[in-house]
Amino acid sequence: MKPNPFPIRWMRLTLLAAVILVVPTCQAQTPSVSGRYRCATAKVQGRSVACSAAPLILKNDGHFELRGWEGNYLVTGEWVELSDSVVRSRAKIEPGHKIVFRYRGKHGWCEMVYERRVADLGKTSLG
C-alpha cells in the first residue's frame, strides 16, 4: 500500500506560509532628496525666462521651506509632494538632483526646475 502524500504537501505549504508571514517584506529605498535647491531654469508658455525664485529647502525631518511657505513633504516614487494644511503641490524628481514643478499659472503653462548642488570634496590634505 502506498503512503498518502497529502500530509507532506500540507506541511510544506504551512511552512511556506509561515516563512512568508515571518520574513519582513523589503521596500524600495526612496532617494534622499533633502537639501537646498536653487532655481536653475524657468519656462512660461515654452519660453525660457529669468529664474529669480527663492530657494527650495527640503529638510531631513520631512519639512520644507519655499519663499515663506512652510509645511511637510513626502516622497512617493518619482514624485515629491509639498503640503501644508490648505495647499498641496506635486513635483517630479528627475535625474541630476532636479525637482521639476509644472503648473498652469496666470500666464499659461509654467515649468520651474530646481537643482541641488552635490559637493564632491575628494581627497584633501592639510600638510
C-alpha atoms as a PDB file:
ATOM      1  CA  MET A   1       0.000   0.000   0.000  1.00  0.00           C
ATOM      2  CA  LYS A   2       1.250   3.443  -0.952  1.00  0.00           C
ATOM      3  CA  PRO A   3       1.601   6.167   1.785  1.00  0.00           C
ATOM      4  CA  ASN A   4      -0.614   9.226   1.481  1.00  0.00           C
ATOM      5  CA  PRO A   5       1.497  12.243   0.260  1.00  0.00           C
ATOM      6  CA  PHE A   6      -1.141  14.761   1.373  1.00  0.00           C
ATOM      7  CA  PRO A   7       0.232  15.351   4.904  1.00  0.00           C
ATOM      8  CA  ILE A   8       3.720  16.106   3.489  1.00  0.00           C
ATOM      9  CA  ARG A   9       2.311  18.604   0.979  1.00  0.00           C
ATOM     10  CA  TRP A  10       0.221  20.200   3.701  1.00  0.00           C
ATOM     11  CA  MET A  11       3.289  20.594   5.935  1.00  0.00           C
ATOM     12  CA  ARG A  12       5.269  22.180   3.070  1.00  0.00           C
ATOM     13  CA  LEU A  13       2.506  24.709   2.359  1.00  0.00           C
ATOM     14  CA  THR A  14       2.179  25.515   6.059  1.00  0.00           C
ATOM     15  CA  LEU A  15       5.946  26.034   6.350  1.00  0.00           C
ATOM     16  CA  LEU A  16       5.980  28.257   3.242  1.00  0.00           C
ATOM     17  CA  ALA A  17       3.102  30.374   4.600  1.00  0.00           C
ATOM     18  CA  ALA A  18       4.899  30.733   7.945  1.00  0.00           C
ATOM     19  CA  VAL A  19       8.101  31.901   6.222  1.00  0.00           C
ATOM     20  CA  ILE A  20       6.187  34.460   4.149  1.00  0.00           C
ATOM     21  CA  LEU A  21       4.467  35.863   7.235  1.00  0.00           C
ATOM     22  CA  VAL A  22       7.605  35.965   9.405  1.00  0.00           C
ATOM     23  CA  VAL A  23      10.098  37.390   6.905  1.00  0.00           C
ATOM     24  CA  PRO A  24       9.592  41.164   6.625  1.00  0.00           C
ATOM     25  CA  THR A  25       8.923  42.491   3.161  1.00  0.00           C
ATOM     26  CA  CYS A  26      11.587  44.695   1.608  1.00  0.00           C
ATOM     27  CA  GLN A  27      10.533  48.131   0.491  1.00  0.00           C
ATOM     28  CA  ALA A  28      12.272  50.129  -2.195  1.00  0.00           C
ATOM     29  CA  GLN A  29      14.544  52.827  -0.886  1.00  0.00           C
ATOM     30  CA  THR A  30      13.417  56.352  -1.658  1.00  0.00           C
ATOM     31  CA  PRO A  31      16.075  58.700  -2.893  1.00  0.00           C
ATOM     32  CA  SER A  32      17.428  61.189  -0.394  1.00  0.00           C
ATOM     33  CA  VAL A  33      16.066  64.477  -1.641  1.00  0.00           C
ATOM     34  CA  SER A  34      16.796  66.617   1.392  1.00  0.00           C
ATOM     35  CA  GLY A  35      18.957  69.644   0.753  1.00  0.00           C
ATOM     36  CA  ARG A  36      18.937  73.160  -0.650  1.00  0.00           C
ATOM     37  CA  TYR A  37      17.730  73.598  -4.236  1.00  0.00           C
ATOM     38  CA  ARG A  38      18.168  76.691  -6.375  1.00  0.00           C
ATOM     39  CA  CYS A  39      16.025  77.624  -9.340  1.00  0.00           C
ATOM     40  CA  ALA A  40      18.051  76.536 -12.366  1.00  0.00           C
ATOM     41  CA  THR A  41      15.615  77.228 -15.206  1.00  0.00           C
ATOM     42  CA  ALA A  42      12.100  78.537 -15.692  1.00  0.00           C
ATOM     43  CA  LYS A  43       9.759  78.440 -18.669  1.00  0.00           C
ATOM     44  CA  VAL A  44       6.468  80.194 -19.267  1.00  0.00           C
ATOM     45  CA  GLN A  45       4.448  79.061 -22.289  1.00  0.00           C
ATOM     46  CA  GLY A  46       7.528  77.204 -23.556  1.00  0.00           C
ATOM     47  CA  ARG A  47       9.844  80.238 -23.463  1.00  0.00           C
ATOM     48  CA  SER A  48      12.779  80.485 -21.071  1.00  0.00           C
ATOM     49  CA  VAL A  49      12.609  83.352 -18.601  1.00  0.00           C
ATOM     50  CA  ALA A  50      14.982  84.628 -15.943  1.00  0.00           C
ATOM     51  CA  CYS A  51      14.693  82.478 -12.850  1.00  0.00           C
ATOM     52  CA  SER A  52      14.882  84.518  -9.678  1.00  0.00           C
ATOM     53  CA  ALA A  53      12.758  82.292  -7.444  1.00  0.00           C
ATOM     54  CA  ALA A  54      13.650  81.734  -3.809  1.00  0.00           C
ATOM     55  CA  PRO A  55      15.498  78.511  -2.947  1.00  0.00           C
ATOM     56  CA  LEU A  56      13.583  75.373  -2.047  1.00  0.00           C
ATOM     57  CA  ILE A  57      14.821  73.788   1.180  1.00  0.00           C
ATOM     58  CA  LEU A  58      13.892  70.170   1.923  1.00  0.00           C
ATOM     59  CA  LYS A  59      14.905  69.252   5.471  1.00  0.00           C
ATOM     60  CA  ASN A  60      15.835  65.779   6.743  1.00  0.00           C
ATOM     61  CA  ASP A  61      12.848  65.737   9.108  1.00  0.00           C
ATOM     62  CA  GLY A  62      10.284  65.943   6.279  1.00  0.00           C
ATOM     63  CA  HIS A  63       9.667  69.713   6.440  1.00  0.00           C
ATOM     64  CA  PHE A  64      10.256  72.242   3.655  1.00  0.00           C
ATOM     65  CA  GLU A  65      10.601  75.985   3.171  1.00  0.00           C
ATOM     66  CA  LEU A  66       9.880  77.898  -0.030  1.00  0.00           C
ATOM     67  CA  ARG A  67       9.508  81.695  -0.068  1.00  0.00           C
ATOM     68  CA  GLY A  68       7.813  81.847   3.323  1.00  0.00           C
ATOM     69  CA  TRP A  69       5.671  78.784   2.639  1.00  0.00           C
ATOM     70  CA  GLU A  70       6.392  76.037   5.164  1.00  0.00           C
ATOM     71  CA  GLY A  71       4.978  72.589   5.519  1.00  0.00           C
ATOM     72  CA  ASN A  72       5.721  68.899   5.072  1.00  0.00           C
ATOM     73  CA  TYR A  73       6.950  66.938   2.100  1.00  0.00           C
ATOM     74  CA  LEU A  74       6.563  63.288   1.200  1.00  0.00           C
ATOM     75  CA  VAL A  75       8.479  61.326  -1.432  1.00  0.00           C
ATOM     76  CA  THR A  76       6.396  58.772  -3.328  1.00  0.00           C
ATOM     77  CA  GLY A  77       8.235  57.005  -6.124  1.00  0.00           C
ATOM     78  CA  GLU A  78       9.432  59.676  -8.539  1.00  0.00           C
ATOM     79  CA  TRP A  79       7.280  62.423  -7.033  1.00  0.00           C
ATOM     80  CA  VAL A  80       7.714  64.785  -4.091  1.00  0.00           C
ATOM     81  CA  GLU A  81       4.548  66.275  -2.647  1.00  0.00           C
ATOM     82  CA  LEU A  82       4.705  69.530  -0.699  1.00  0.00           C
ATOM     83  CA  SER A  83       1.754  70.316   1.541  1.00  0.00           C
ATOM     84  CA  ASP A  84       0.518  72.381   4.429  1.00  0.00           C
ATOM     85  CA  SER A  85      -2.932  72.433   5.994  1.00  0.00           C
ATOM     86  CA  VAL A  86      -4.514  74.025   2.891  1.00  0.00           C
ATOM     87  CA  VAL A  87      -2.294  73.789  -0.219  1.00  0.00           C
ATOM     88  CA  ARG A  88      -0.706  70.816  -1.974  1.00  0.00           C
ATOM     89  CA  SER A  89       1.804  70.816  -4.792  1.00  0.00           C
ATOM     90  CA  ARG A  90       3.463  67.905  -6.550  1.00  0.00           C
ATOM     91  CA  ALA A  91       6.786  67.908  -8.410  1.00  0.00           C
ATOM     92  CA  LYS A  92       8.691  65.263 -10.322  1.00  0.00           C
ATOM     93  CA  ILE A  93      12.114  64.089  -9.190  1.00  0.00           C
ATOM     94  CA  GLU A  94      14.428  63.858 -12.188  1.00  0.00           C
ATOM     95  CA  PRO A  95      17.993  62.597 -12.600  1.00  0.00           C
ATOM     96  CA  GLY A  96      20.781  65.001 -11.755  1.00  0.00           C
ATOM     97  CA  HIS A  97      19.307  66.077  -8.397  1.00  0.00           C
ATOM     98  CA  LYS A  98      16.470  68.015 -10.018  1.00  0.00           C
ATOM     99  CA  ILE A  99      12.923  68.705  -8.893  1.00  0.00           C
ATOM    100  CA  VAL A 100      10.556  69.934 -11.616  1.00  0.00           C
ATOM    101  CA  PHE A 101       7.294  71.771 -10.939  1.00  0.00           C
ATOM    102  CA  ARG A 102       4.827  72.010 -13.833  1.00  0.00           C
ATOM    103  CA  TYR A 103       1.666  74.015 -13.307  1.00  0.00           C
ATOM    104  CA  ARG A 104      -0.815  76.304 -15.001  1.00  0.00           C
ATOM    105  CA  GLY A 105      -0.171  79.886 -13.903  1.00  0.00           C
ATOM    106  CA  LYS A 106      -1.882  83.139 -14.815  1.00  0.00           C
ATOM    107  CA  HIS A 107       0.341  83.423 -17.934  1.00  0.00           C
ATOM    108  CA  GLY A 108      -0.137  79.821 -19.128  1.00  0.00           C
ATOM    109  CA  TRP A 109       1.844  76.623 -18.512  1.00  0.00           C
ATOM    110  CA  CYS A 110       4.920  77.113 -16.352  1.00  0.00           C
ATOM    111  CA  GLU A 111       7.858  74.871 -15.568  1.00  0.00           C
ATOM    112  CA  MET A 112      10.294  75.534 -12.730  1.00  0.00           C
ATOM    113  CA  VAL A 113      13.396  73.362 -12.454  1.00  0.00           C
ATOM    114  CA  TYR A 114      15.114  73.355  -9.079  1.00  0.00           C
ATOM    115  CA  GLU A 115      18.590  71.826  -8.880  1.00  0.00           C
ATOM    116  CA  ARG A 116      20.604  70.688  -5.869  1.00  0.00           C
ATOM    117  CA  ARG A 117      24.354  71.028  -5.951  1.00  0.00           C
ATOM    118  CA  VAL A 118      26.073  67.978  -4.555  1.00  0.00           C
ATOM    119  CA  ALA A 119      29.626  68.700  -3.480  1.00  0.00           C
ATOM    120  CA  ASP A 120      32.278  66.089  -4.036  1.00  0.00           C
ATOM    121  CA  LEU A 121      35.129  67.088  -1.771  1.00  0.00           C
ATOM    122  CA  GLY A 122      37.507  64.372  -2.877  1.00  0.00           C
ATOM    123  CA  LYS A 123      40.834  63.995  -1.137  1.00  0.00           C
ATOM    124  CA  THR A 124      42.166  66.929   0.782  1.00  0.00           C
ATOM    125  CA  SER A 125      45.193  67.255   2.971  1.00  0.00           C
ATOM    126  CA  LEU A 126      46.456  69.845   5.386  1.00  0.00           C
ATOM    127  CA  GLY A 127      50.119  69.027   5.114  1.00  0.00           C
END
